[in-house]
Amino acid sequence: MKIMITAQEALDRGIWIDIVQLFGLQEEDTIMPGEQFILTEEQALQLNLIRR
């Protein structure tokens, strides 16, 4: 299963720093609020976005 989350949703949920770390983003990277990130089921579980 793949879970999609936008940058804005990650900010709203307070997990933006975790997304930055998971995807290896840098300060100089330009990310738009609507940019989507695809998480694996394990990543989504780790971030408490879903439950088993």
N, C-alpha and C. Protein backbone atom coordinates (compact mmCIF):
# COMPACT_ATOMS: atom_id res chain seq x y z
N MET A 1 0.84 -1.16 0.00
CA MET A 1 0.00 0.00 0.00
C MET A 1 0.90 1.24 0.00
N LYS A 2 0.48 2.25 -0.76
CA LYS A 2 1.19 3.53 -0.82
C LYS A 2 0.26 4.61 -0.28
N ILE A 3 0.82 5.51 0.50
CA ILE A 3 0.06 6.62 1.07
C ILE A 3 0.66 7.91 0.55
N MET A 4 -0.20 8.80 0.07
CA MET A 4 0.28 10.09 -0.44
C MET A 4 -0.08 11.18 0.56
N ILE A 5 0.86 12.11 0.75
CA ILE A 5 0.64 13.25 1.63
C ILE A 5 1.29 14.46 0.98
N THR A 6 0.64 15.60 1.08
CA THR A 6 1.23 16.82 0.54
C THR A 6 2.10 17.48 1.61
N ALA A 7 2.93 18.39 1.16
CA ALA A 7 3.78 19.13 2.09
C ALA A 7 2.92 19.89 3.10
N GLN A 8 1.83 20.49 2.62
CA GLN A 8 0.94 21.25 3.51
C GLN A 8 0.30 20.34 4.55
N GLU A 9 -0.15 19.15 4.14
CA GLU A 9 -0.74 18.21 5.09
C GLU A 9 0.28 17.79 6.15
N ALA A 10 1.52 17.58 5.72
CA ALA A 10 2.58 17.21 6.66
C ALA A 10 2.82 18.34 7.66
N LEU A 11 2.82 19.57 7.17
CA LEU A 11 2.97 20.73 8.07
C LEU A 11 1.81 20.79 9.05
N ASP A 12 0.60 20.63 8.54
CA ASP A 12 -0.60 20.70 9.39
C ASP A 12 -0.60 19.62 10.46
N ARG A 13 -0.07 18.45 10.13
CA ARG A 13 -0.04 17.32 11.08
C ARG A 13 1.19 17.33 11.99
N GLY A 14 2.08 18.27 11.75
CA GLY A 14 3.27 18.38 12.58
C GLY A 14 4.34 17.33 12.31
N ILE A 15 4.34 16.79 11.08
CA ILE A 15 5.33 15.75 10.75
C ILE A 15 6.26 16.19 9.62
N TRP A 16 6.29 17.49 9.33
CA TRP A 16 7.10 17.97 8.22
C TRP A 16 8.57 17.62 8.40
N ILE A 17 9.11 17.80 9.60
CA ILE A 17 10.52 17.48 9.86
C ILE A 17 10.79 16.00 9.57
N ASP A 18 9.85 15.14 9.91
CA ASP A 18 10.01 13.70 9.63
C ASP A 18 10.03 13.43 8.12
N ILE A 19 9.18 14.13 7.38
CA ILE A 19 9.15 13.97 5.91
C ILE A 19 10.48 14.43 5.32
N VAL A 20 10.97 15.58 5.79
CA VAL A 20 12.26 16.11 5.33
C VAL A 20 13.36 15.07 5.53
N GLN A 21 13.38 14.45 6.69
CA GLN A 21 14.40 13.44 6.99
C GLN A 21 14.21 12.18 6.14
N LEU A 22 12.96 11.72 6.01
CA LEU A 22 12.69 10.51 5.22
C LEU A 22 13.12 10.65 3.76
N PHE A 23 12.90 11.84 3.20
CA PHE A 23 13.18 12.04 1.78
C PHE A 23 14.51 12.74 1.53
N GLY A 24 15.27 13.00 2.59
CA GLY A 24 16.60 13.59 2.43
C GLY A 24 16.58 14.97 1.82
N LEU A 25 15.56 15.75 2.15
CA LEU A 25 15.45 17.11 1.62
C LEU A 25 16.46 18.03 2.30
N GLN A 26 16.86 19.07 1.58
CA GLN A 26 17.81 20.05 2.09
C GLN A 26 17.12 21.40 2.25
N GLU A 27 17.71 22.29 3.05
CA GLU A 27 17.14 23.62 3.26
C GLU A 27 16.96 24.38 1.95
N GLU A 28 17.88 24.19 1.02
CA GLU A 28 17.81 24.94 -0.23
C GLU A 28 16.80 24.36 -1.23
N ASP A 29 16.22 23.22 -0.93
CA ASP A 29 15.20 22.63 -1.80
C ASP A 29 13.93 23.47 -1.74
N THR A 30 13.35 23.74 -2.89
CA THR A 30 12.10 24.49 -2.97
C THR A 30 10.95 23.49 -3.03
N ILE A 31 10.10 23.55 -2.04
CA ILE A 31 8.96 22.64 -1.96
C ILE A 31 7.68 23.48 -1.93
N MET A 32 6.77 23.18 -2.83
CA MET A 32 5.48 23.88 -2.88
C MET A 32 4.52 23.18 -1.91
N PRO A 33 3.55 23.91 -1.33
CA PRO A 33 2.62 23.31 -0.37
C PRO A 33 1.86 22.10 -0.92
N GLY A 34 1.58 22.09 -2.23
CA GLY A 34 0.82 21.00 -2.83
C GLY A 34 1.68 19.83 -3.30
N GLU A 35 2.99 19.94 -3.13
CA GLU A 35 3.87 18.85 -3.57
C GLU A 35 3.54 17.58 -2.80
N GLN A 36 3.45 16.47 -3.52
CA GLN A 36 3.05 15.21 -2.92
C GLN A 36 4.25 14.31 -2.65
N PHE A 37 4.15 13.58 -1.56
CA PHE A 37 5.15 12.60 -1.20
C PHE A 37 4.45 11.26 -1.04
N ILE A 38 5.06 10.23 -1.57
CA ILE A 38 4.48 8.89 -1.51
C ILE A 38 5.22 8.11 -0.43
N LEU A 39 4.45 7.65 0.55
CA LEU A 39 5.01 6.90 1.67
C LEU A 39 4.66 5.42 1.53
N THR A 40 5.55 4.58 1.99
CA THR A 40 5.22 3.16 2.07
C THR A 40 4.31 2.96 3.29
N GLU A 41 3.72 1.81 3.37
CA GLU A 41 2.88 1.48 4.53
C GLU A 41 3.70 1.58 5.82
N GLU A 42 4.91 1.09 5.80
CA GLU A 42 5.78 1.13 6.99
C GLU A 42 6.08 2.57 7.40
N GLN A 43 6.37 3.43 6.44
CA GLN A 43 6.63 4.84 6.76
C GLN A 43 5.39 5.50 7.35
N ALA A 44 4.22 5.22 6.77
CA ALA A 44 2.98 5.80 7.27
C ALA A 44 2.69 5.32 8.69
N LEU A 45 2.96 4.06 8.97
CA LEU A 45 2.80 3.53 10.33
C LEU A 45 3.75 4.23 11.29
N GLN A 46 4.99 4.38 10.86
CA GLN A 46 6.02 5.04 11.67
C GLN A 46 5.63 6.47 12.03
N LEU A 47 4.96 7.16 11.10
CA LEU A 47 4.54 8.54 11.31
C LEU A 47 3.14 8.65 11.94
N ASN A 48 2.58 7.50 12.30
CA ASN A 48 1.23 7.44 12.93
C ASN A 48 0.13 8.02 12.03
N LEU A 49 0.28 7.82 10.72
CA LEU A 49 -0.75 8.27 9.79
C LEU A 49 -1.83 7.21 9.61
N ILE A 50 -1.43 5.96 9.80
CA ILE A 50 -2.37 4.83 9.71
C ILE A 50 -2.09 3.89 10.87
N ARG A 51 -3.04 2.97 11.10
CA ARG A 51 -2.88 1.93 12.12
C ARG A 51 -3.14 0.59 11.47
N ARG A 52 -2.56 -0.41 12.06
CA ARG A 52 -2.81 -1.78 11.57
C ARG A 52 -4.01 -2.35 12.24
